Amino acid sequence: MQMTRDDALKVYDILEETFPDARAELNYTTPYELLVATILSAQCTDVRVNKVTKVLFENYNTPEKMVTLSQKEMEDYVHSCGVYRNKAKNILAASRIILDRYHGDIPDTIEGLMTLPGVGRKTANVVASNVLNIPAIAVDTHVFRVSNRLGLADAKNVDGTEKQLMDIWPESCWSKGHHLLIFLGRRICKAQNPLCEECPLTIYCKNYQGEVANG
């Protein structure tokens, strides 16, 4: 069962108080750098991606520079990120499209971003909400797990979760809410052994009230 909108807003307010510095933890200085970093972050930690991009972006931080790399050279840079051959191929192909179709700038809509190789809805939402000022909720494993545990959503997949979060929270909460849920998931509401005793949301949490509190 999904919680009420009133409770959902209370949850948002508590999360803001708990994690006032919630933000993207990928390091970037331009929209293009965030796009590349987010593509690399699939099935990889932000900590690992930041180590890779620190080296990569020293010399290859624009699509013009990136396309000068061969597939093998790109793979050598990103091999520690997992699924590195596909990621290298997609980043090079996306960079070429950005140059040929968008004059060197990343697409400025979610739909446009999703036409790029390696960019699904989650990646597009991350980029749109952080650098394009487009309200969006990117649903990764943390957001999916936490929102469904809490009862902010009651969905079987990421698309359903995104739609329900967009419905229960006003648009002004979407982009920051994504970061707040990730911070909660990484620091307290972990996949294994969630730290319920440290969570400020137990009185609203569907999982805690229904399972943990009742043993």
C-alpha atoms as a PDB file:
ATOM      1  CA  MET A   1       0.000   0.000   0.000  1.00  0.00           C
ATOM      2  CA  GLN A   2       1.246   3.465  -0.922  1.00  0.00           C
ATOM      3  CA  MET A   3       1.317   6.185   1.745  1.00  0.00           C
ATOM      4  CA  THR A   4      -0.728   9.371   1.521  1.00  0.00           C
ATOM      5  CA  ARG A   5       0.565  12.530  -0.117  1.00  0.00           C
ATOM      6  CA  ASP A   6       0.568  14.294   3.246  1.00  0.00           C
ATOM      7  CA  ASP A   7       2.786  11.616   4.763  1.00  0.00           C
ATOM      8  CA  ALA A   8       4.987  11.626   1.656  1.00  0.00           C
ATOM      9  CA  LEU A   9       5.639  15.350   2.130  1.00  0.00           C
ATOM     10  CA  LYS A  10       6.463  14.777   5.795  1.00  0.00           C
ATOM     11  CA  VAL A  11       8.924  12.086   4.726  1.00  0.00           C
ATOM     12  CA  TYR A  12      10.510  14.521   2.269  1.00  0.00           C
ATOM     13  CA  ASP A  13      10.876  17.193   4.947  1.00  0.00           C
ATOM     14  CA  ILE A  14      12.489  14.737   7.379  1.00  0.00           C
ATOM     15  CA  LEU A  15      14.890  13.565   4.683  1.00  0.00           C
ATOM     16  CA  GLU A  16      15.857  17.170   3.930  1.00  0.00           C
ATOM     17  CA  GLU A  17      16.577  17.758   7.606  1.00  0.00           C
ATOM     18  CA  THR A  18      18.544  14.514   7.855  1.00  0.00           C
ATOM     19  CA  PHE A  19      20.579  14.940   4.660  1.00  0.00           C
ATOM     20  CA  PRO A  20      20.849  18.710   4.013  1.00  0.00           C
ATOM     21  CA  ASP A  21      23.853  18.197   1.736  1.00  0.00           C
ATOM     22  CA  ALA A  22      22.318  15.469  -0.443  1.00  0.00           C
ATOM     23  CA  ARG A  23      23.591  15.868  -4.001  1.00  0.00           C
ATOM     24  CA  ALA A  24      25.068  13.958  -6.901  1.00  0.00           C
ATOM     25  CA  GLU A  25      28.202  12.155  -5.726  1.00  0.00           C
ATOM     26  CA  LEU A  26      29.677  11.815  -9.202  1.00  0.00           C
ATOM     27  CA  ASN A  27      32.373  14.419  -9.860  1.00  0.00           C
ATOM     28  CA  TYR A  28      31.884  16.615 -12.935  1.00  0.00           C
ATOM     29  CA  THR A  29      32.341  20.192 -14.100  1.00  0.00           C
ATOM     30  CA  THR A  30      30.283  20.211 -17.326  1.00  0.00           C
ATOM     31  CA  PRO A  31      27.061  18.573 -18.565  1.00  0.00           C
ATOM     32  CA  TYR A  32      29.100  16.385 -20.912  1.00  0.00           C
ATOM     33  CA  GLU A  33      31.288  15.145 -18.068  1.00  0.00           C
ATOM     34  CA  LEU A  34      28.194  14.223 -16.037  1.00  0.00           C
ATOM     35  CA  LEU A  35      26.776  12.340 -19.021  1.00  0.00           C
ATOM     36  CA  VAL A  36      29.956  10.292 -19.401  1.00  0.00           C
ATOM     37  CA  ALA A  37      30.238   9.665 -15.663  1.00  0.00           C
ATOM     38  CA  THR A  38      26.611   8.543 -15.433  1.00  0.00           C
ATOM     39  CA  ILE A  39      27.030   6.100 -18.323  1.00  0.00           C
ATOM     40  CA  LEU A  40      30.039   4.657 -16.506  1.00  0.00           C
ATOM     41  CA  SER A  41      28.137   4.420 -13.211  1.00  0.00           C
ATOM     42  CA  ALA A  42      25.843   1.597 -14.353  1.00  0.00           C
ATOM     43  CA  GLN A  43      26.671  -1.458 -12.192  1.00  0.00           C
ATOM     44  CA  CYS A  44      29.553   0.499 -10.670  1.00  0.00           C
ATOM     45  CA  THR A  45      30.056   2.646  -7.586  1.00  0.00           C
ATOM     46  CA  ASP A  46      30.363   6.410  -7.775  1.00  0.00           C
ATOM     47  CA  VAL A  47      33.663   6.132  -5.898  1.00  0.00           C
ATOM     48  CA  ARG A  48      35.115   3.928  -8.633  1.00  0.00           C
ATOM     49  CA  VAL A  49      33.737   6.121 -11.415  1.00  0.00           C
ATOM     50  CA  ASN A  50      35.258   9.224  -9.832  1.00  0.00           C
ATOM     51  CA  LYS A  51      38.675   7.552  -9.803  1.00  0.00           C
ATOM     52  CA  VAL A  52      38.336   6.667 -13.478  1.00  0.00           C
ATOM     53  CA  THR A  53      37.044  10.039 -14.644  1.00  0.00           C
ATOM     54  CA  LYS A  54      39.705  11.920 -12.686  1.00  0.00           C
ATOM     55  CA  VAL A  55      42.256  10.401 -15.063  1.00  0.00           C
ATOM     56  CA  LEU A  56      40.073  10.308 -18.182  1.00  0.00           C
ATOM     57  CA  PHE A  57      38.914  13.919 -17.955  1.00  0.00           C
ATOM     58  CA  GLU A  58      42.444  15.274 -17.582  1.00  0.00           C
ATOM     59  CA  ASN A  59      42.847  14.953 -21.343  1.00  0.00           C
ATOM     60  CA  TYR A  60      39.445  13.873 -22.681  1.00  0.00           C
ATOM     61  CA  ASN A  61      36.697  16.016 -21.182  1.00  0.00           C
ATOM     62  CA  THR A  62      34.853  17.120 -24.335  1.00  0.00           C
ATOM     63  CA  PRO A  63      33.229  15.143 -27.148  1.00  0.00           C
ATOM     64  CA  GLU A  64      35.783  16.612 -29.578  1.00  0.00           C
ATOM     65  CA  LYS A  65      38.634  15.178 -27.537  1.00  0.00           C
ATOM     66  CA  MET A  66      36.856  11.940 -26.662  1.00  0.00           C
ATOM     67  CA  VAL A  67      36.337  10.855 -30.271  1.00  0.00           C
ATOM     68  CA  THR A  68      40.092  10.963 -30.873  1.00  0.00           C
ATOM     69  CA  LEU A  69      40.388   7.851 -28.699  1.00  0.00           C
ATOM     70  CA  SER A  70      40.269   4.413 -30.254  1.00  0.00           C
ATOM     71  CA  GLN A  71      37.957   1.767 -28.836  1.00  0.00           C
ATOM     72  CA  LYS A  72      40.946   0.011 -27.254  1.00  0.00           C
ATOM     73  CA  GLU A  73      42.286   3.228 -25.731  1.00  0.00           C
ATOM     74  CA  MET A  74      38.876   4.016 -24.284  1.00  0.00           C
ATOM     75  CA  GLU A  75      38.577   0.510 -22.853  1.00  0.00           C
ATOM     76  CA  ASP A  76      41.936   0.920 -21.141  1.00  0.00           C
ATOM     77  CA  TYR A  77      40.648   4.018 -19.352  1.00  0.00           C
ATOM     78  CA  VAL A  78      37.328   2.538 -18.193  1.00  0.00           C
ATOM     79  CA  HIS A  79      38.092  -1.166 -17.762  1.00  0.00           C
ATOM     80  CA  SER A  80      37.637  -1.066 -13.978  1.00  0.00           C
ATOM     81  CA  CYS A  81      34.038   0.184 -14.284  1.00  0.00           C
ATOM     82  CA  GLY A  82      32.506  -3.127 -15.344  1.00  0.00           C
ATOM     83  CA  VAL A  83      30.898  -3.935 -18.714  1.00  0.00           C
ATOM     84  CA  TYR A  84      33.693  -1.719 -19.958  1.00  0.00           C
ATOM     85  CA  ARG A  85      33.637  -2.702 -23.633  1.00  0.00           C
ATOM     86  CA  ASN A  86      30.010  -1.664 -24.036  1.00  0.00           C
ATOM     87  CA  LYS A  87      30.523   1.489 -21.985  1.00  0.00           C
ATOM     88  CA  ALA A  88      33.554   2.495 -24.047  1.00  0.00           C
ATOM     89  CA  LYS A  89      31.681   1.845 -27.287  1.00  0.00           C
ATOM     90  CA  ASN A  90      28.611   3.776 -26.134  1.00  0.00           C
ATOM     91  CA  ILE A  91      30.561   6.793 -24.879  1.00  0.00           C
ATOM     92  CA  LEU A  92      32.475   7.080 -28.149  1.00  0.00           C
ATOM     93  CA  ALA A  93      29.295   6.675 -30.213  1.00  0.00           C
ATOM     94  CA  ALA A  94      27.359   9.150 -28.059  1.00  0.00           C
ATOM     95  CA  SER A  95      30.200  11.654 -28.352  1.00  0.00           C
ATOM     96  CA  ARG A  96      30.137  11.383 -32.127  1.00  0.00           C
ATOM     97  CA  ILE A  97      26.360  11.944 -32.215  1.00  0.00           C
ATOM     98  CA  ILE A  98      26.687  14.957 -29.905  1.00  0.00           C
ATOM     99  CA  LEU A  99      29.201  16.451 -32.333  1.00  0.00           C
ATOM    100  CA  ASP A 100      27.340  15.595 -35.529  1.00  0.00           C
ATOM    101  CA  ARG A 101      23.757  16.222 -34.437  1.00  0.00           C
ATOM    102  CA  TYR A 102      23.960  18.636 -31.512  1.00  0.00           C
ATOM    103  CA  HIS A 103      26.979  20.808 -32.408  1.00  0.00           C
ATOM    104  CA  GLY A 104      28.996  19.627 -29.421  1.00  0.00           C
ATOM    105  CA  ASP A 105      26.371  20.192 -26.725  1.00  0.00           C
ATOM    106  CA  ILE A 106      24.445  17.406 -25.032  1.00  0.00           C
ATOM    107  CA  PRO A 107      20.732  17.141 -25.957  1.00  0.00           C
ATOM    108  CA  ASP A 108      18.606  19.447 -23.826  1.00  0.00           C
ATOM    109  CA  THR A 109      15.609  17.153 -23.293  1.00  0.00           C
ATOM    110  CA  ILE A 110      15.132  13.782 -21.626  1.00  0.00           C
ATOM    111  CA  GLU A 111      13.863  12.360 -24.903  1.00  0.00           C
ATOM    112  CA  GLY A 112      16.889  13.689 -26.763  1.00  0.00           C
ATOM    113  CA  LEU A 113      19.291  12.254 -24.208  1.00  0.00           C
ATOM    114  CA  MET A 114      17.645   8.847 -24.547  1.00  0.00           C
ATOM    115  CA  THR A 115      18.518   8.745 -28.252  1.00  0.00           C
ATOM    116  CA  LEU A 116      22.199   8.486 -27.302  1.00  0.00           C
ATOM    117  CA  PRO A 117      23.835   5.038 -27.074  1.00  0.00           C
ATOM    118  CA  GLY A 118      24.076   3.815 -23.489  1.00  0.00           C
ATOM    119  CA  VAL A 119      21.548   6.325 -22.177  1.00  0.00           C
ATOM    120  CA  GLY A 120      18.368   4.889 -20.698  1.00  0.00           C
ATOM    121  CA  ARG A 121      15.722   6.714 -18.739  1.00  0.00           C
ATOM    122  CA  LYS A 122      17.627   6.623 -15.433  1.00  0.00           C
ATOM    123  CA  THR A 123      20.774   8.134 -16.956  1.00  0.00           C
ATOM    124  CA  ALA A 124      18.746  10.728 -18.856  1.00  0.00           C
ATOM    125  CA  ASN A 125      16.906  11.720 -15.684  1.00  0.00           C
ATOM    126  CA  VAL A 126      20.158  12.077 -13.729  1.00  0.00           C
ATOM    127  CA  VAL A 127      21.617  14.393 -16.353  1.00  0.00           C
ATOM    128  CA  ALA A 128      18.396  16.344 -16.907  1.00  0.00           C
ATOM    129  CA  SER A 129      17.743  16.985 -13.232  1.00  0.00           C
ATOM    130  CA  ASN A 130      21.313  17.953 -12.361  1.00  0.00           C
ATOM    131  CA  VAL A 131      22.459  20.109 -15.266  1.00  0.00           C
ATOM    132  CA  LEU A 132      19.440  20.914 -17.460  1.00  0.00           C
ATOM    133  CA  ASN A 133      17.107  22.171 -14.708  1.00  0.00           C
ATOM    134  CA  ILE A 134      14.468  19.661 -15.780  1.00  0.00           C
ATOM    135  CA  PRO A 135      12.565  18.172 -12.819  1.00  0.00           C
ATOM    136  CA  ALA A 136      13.024  14.405 -12.866  1.00  0.00           C
ATOM    137  CA  ILE A 137      13.379  11.410 -10.568  1.00  0.00           C
ATOM    138  CA  ALA A 138      16.069   8.932 -11.556  1.00  0.00           C
ATOM    139  CA  VAL A 139      15.219   5.526 -10.107  1.00  0.00           C
ATOM    140  CA  ASP A 140      18.319   3.445  -9.412  1.00  0.00           C
ATOM    141  CA  THR A 141      18.562   0.405  -7.145  1.00  0.00           C
ATOM    142  CA  HIS A 142      18.670   2.575  -4.018  1.00  0.00           C
ATOM    143  CA  VAL A 143      15.657   4.692  -4.967  1.00  0.00           C
ATOM    144  CA  PHE A 144      13.670   1.611  -6.000  1.00  0.00           C
ATOM    145  CA  ARG A 145      14.453  -0.274  -2.795  1.00  0.00           C
ATOM    146  CA  VAL A 146      13.971   2.610  -0.376  1.00  0.00           C
ATOM    147  CA  SER A 147      10.812   4.079  -1.892  1.00  0.00           C
ATOM    148  CA  ASN A 148       9.076   0.706  -1.985  1.00  0.00           C
ATOM    149  CA  ARG A 149      10.194  -0.217   1.530  1.00  0.00           C
ATOM    150  CA  LEU A 150       8.921   3.082   2.880  1.00  0.00           C
ATOM    151  CA  GLY A 151       5.660   2.981   0.969  1.00  0.00           C
ATOM    152  CA  LEU A 152       6.350   6.071  -1.119  1.00  0.00           C
ATOM    153  CA  ALA A 153       5.809   3.666  -3.990  1.00  0.00           C
ATOM    154  CA  ASP A 154       4.230   0.255  -4.382  1.00  0.00           C
ATOM    155  CA  ALA A 155       5.570  -0.884  -7.728  1.00  0.00           C
ATOM    156  CA  LYS A 156       7.222  -3.946  -9.225  1.00  0.00           C
ATOM    157  CA  ASN A 157       9.676  -2.115 -11.487  1.00  0.00           C
ATOM    158  CA  VAL A 158      11.625   1.131 -11.845  1.00  0.00           C
ATOM    159  CA  ASP A 159       9.219   2.673 -14.358  1.00  0.00           C
ATOM    160  CA  GLY A 160       6.260   2.160 -12.054  1.00  0.00           C
ATOM    161  CA  THR A 161       8.252   3.484  -9.121  1.00  0.00           C
ATOM    162  CA  GLU A 162       9.211   6.628 -11.031  1.00  0.00           C
ATOM    163  CA  LYS A 163       5.589   7.317 -11.991  1.00  0.00           C
ATOM    164  CA  GLN A 164       4.339   6.814  -8.444  1.00  0.00           C
ATOM    165  CA  LEU A 165       7.020   9.060  -6.939  1.00  0.00           C
ATOM    166  CA  MET A 166       6.201  11.771  -9.474  1.00  0.00           C
ATOM    167  CA  ASP A 167       2.561  11.465  -8.490  1.00  0.00           C
ATOM    168  CA  ILE A 168       2.999  11.472  -4.709  1.00  0.00           C
ATOM    169  CA  TRP A 169       5.584  14.298  -4.573  1.00  0.00           C
ATOM    170  CA  PRO A 170       5.118  17.725  -6.189  1.00  0.00           C
ATOM    171  CA  GLU A 171       7.412  18.535  -9.096  1.00  0.00           C
ATOM    172  CA  SER A 172       9.498  20.831  -6.908  1.00  0.00           C
ATOM    173  CA  CYS A 173      10.573  17.794  -4.862  1.00  0.00           C
ATOM    174  CA  TRP A 174      11.545  15.456  -7.682  1.00  0.00           C
ATOM    175  CA  SER A 175      15.183  16.265  -8.369  1.00  0.00           C
ATOM    176  CA  LYS A 176      16.250  16.744  -4.737  1.00  0.00           C
ATOM    177  CA  GLY A 177      14.096  13.792  -3.682  1.00  0.00           C
ATOM    178  CA  HIS A 178      16.158  11.505  -5.897  1.00  0.00           C
ATOM    179  CA  HIS A 179      19.329  12.481  -4.041  1.00  0.00           C
ATOM    180  CA  LEU A 180      17.654  12.254  -0.637  1.00  0.00           C
ATOM    181  CA  LEU A 181      16.480   8.694  -1.272  1.00  0.00           C
ATOM    182  CA  ILE A 182      19.932   7.670  -2.506  1.00  0.00           C
ATOM    183  CA  PHE A 183      21.567   9.100   0.606  1.00  0.00           C
ATOM    184  CA  LEU A 184      19.061   7.227   2.783  1.00  0.00           C
ATOM    185  CA  GLY A 185      19.696   4.007   0.859  1.00  0.00           C
ATOM    186  CA  ARG A 186      23.476   4.238   1.030  1.00  0.00           C
ATOM    187  CA  ARG A 187      23.741   5.305   4.640  1.00  0.00           C
ATOM    188  CA  ILE A 188      20.781   3.773   6.498  1.00  0.00           C
ATOM    189  CA  CYS A 189      18.277   1.774   4.432  1.00  0.00           C
ATOM    190  CA  LYS A 190      20.859  -0.622   3.023  1.00  0.00           C
ATOM    191  CA  ALA A 191      19.996  -3.624   0.880  1.00  0.00           C
ATOM    192  CA  GLN A 192      21.311  -6.037   3.501  1.00  0.00           C
ATOM    193  CA  ASN A 193      20.874  -5.343   7.210  1.00  0.00           C
ATOM    194  CA  PRO A 194      19.179  -1.933   7.036  1.00  0.00           C
ATOM    195  CA  LEU A 195      19.941   0.245  10.059  1.00  0.00           C
ATOM    196  CA  CYS A 196      16.318   0.713  11.105  1.00  0.00           C
ATOM    197  CA  GLU A 197      17.286   1.810  14.601  1.00  0.00           C
ATOM    198  CA  GLU A 198      19.052   4.827  13.057  1.00  0.00           C
ATOM    199  CA  CYS A 199      16.270   5.734  10.635  1.00  0.00           C
ATOM    200  CA  PRO A 200      14.195   8.876  11.310  1.00  0.00           C
ATOM    201  CA  LEU A 201      11.321   7.519   9.215  1.00  0.00           C
ATOM    202  CA  THR A 202      10.249   4.395  11.105  1.00  0.00           C
ATOM    203  CA  ILE A 203       6.834   5.804  12.036  1.00  0.00           C
ATOM    204  CA  TYR A 204       6.063   6.227   8.321  1.00  0.00           C
ATOM    205  CA  CYS A 205       7.857   3.144   6.991  1.00  0.00           C
ATOM    206  CA  LYS A 206       5.614   0.413   5.631  1.00  0.00           C
ATOM    207  CA  ASN A 207       8.336  -2.222   5.950  1.00  0.00           C
ATOM    208  CA  TYR A 208       9.253  -1.308   9.524  1.00  0.00           C
ATOM    209  CA  GLN A 209       5.681  -1.063  10.735  1.00  0.00           C
ATOM    210  CA  GLY A 210       4.581  -4.220   8.956  1.00  0.00           C
ATOM    211  CA  GLU A 211       7.555  -6.520   9.428  1.00  0.00           C
ATOM    212  CA  VAL A 212      10.303  -5.284  11.720  1.00  0.00           C
ATOM    213  CA  ALA A 213       8.125  -3.876  14.498  1.00  0.00           C
ATOM    214  CA  ASN A 214       5.990  -7.021  14.524  1.00  0.00           C
ATOM    215  CA  GLY A 215       8.979  -9.337  14.509  1.00  0.00           C
END
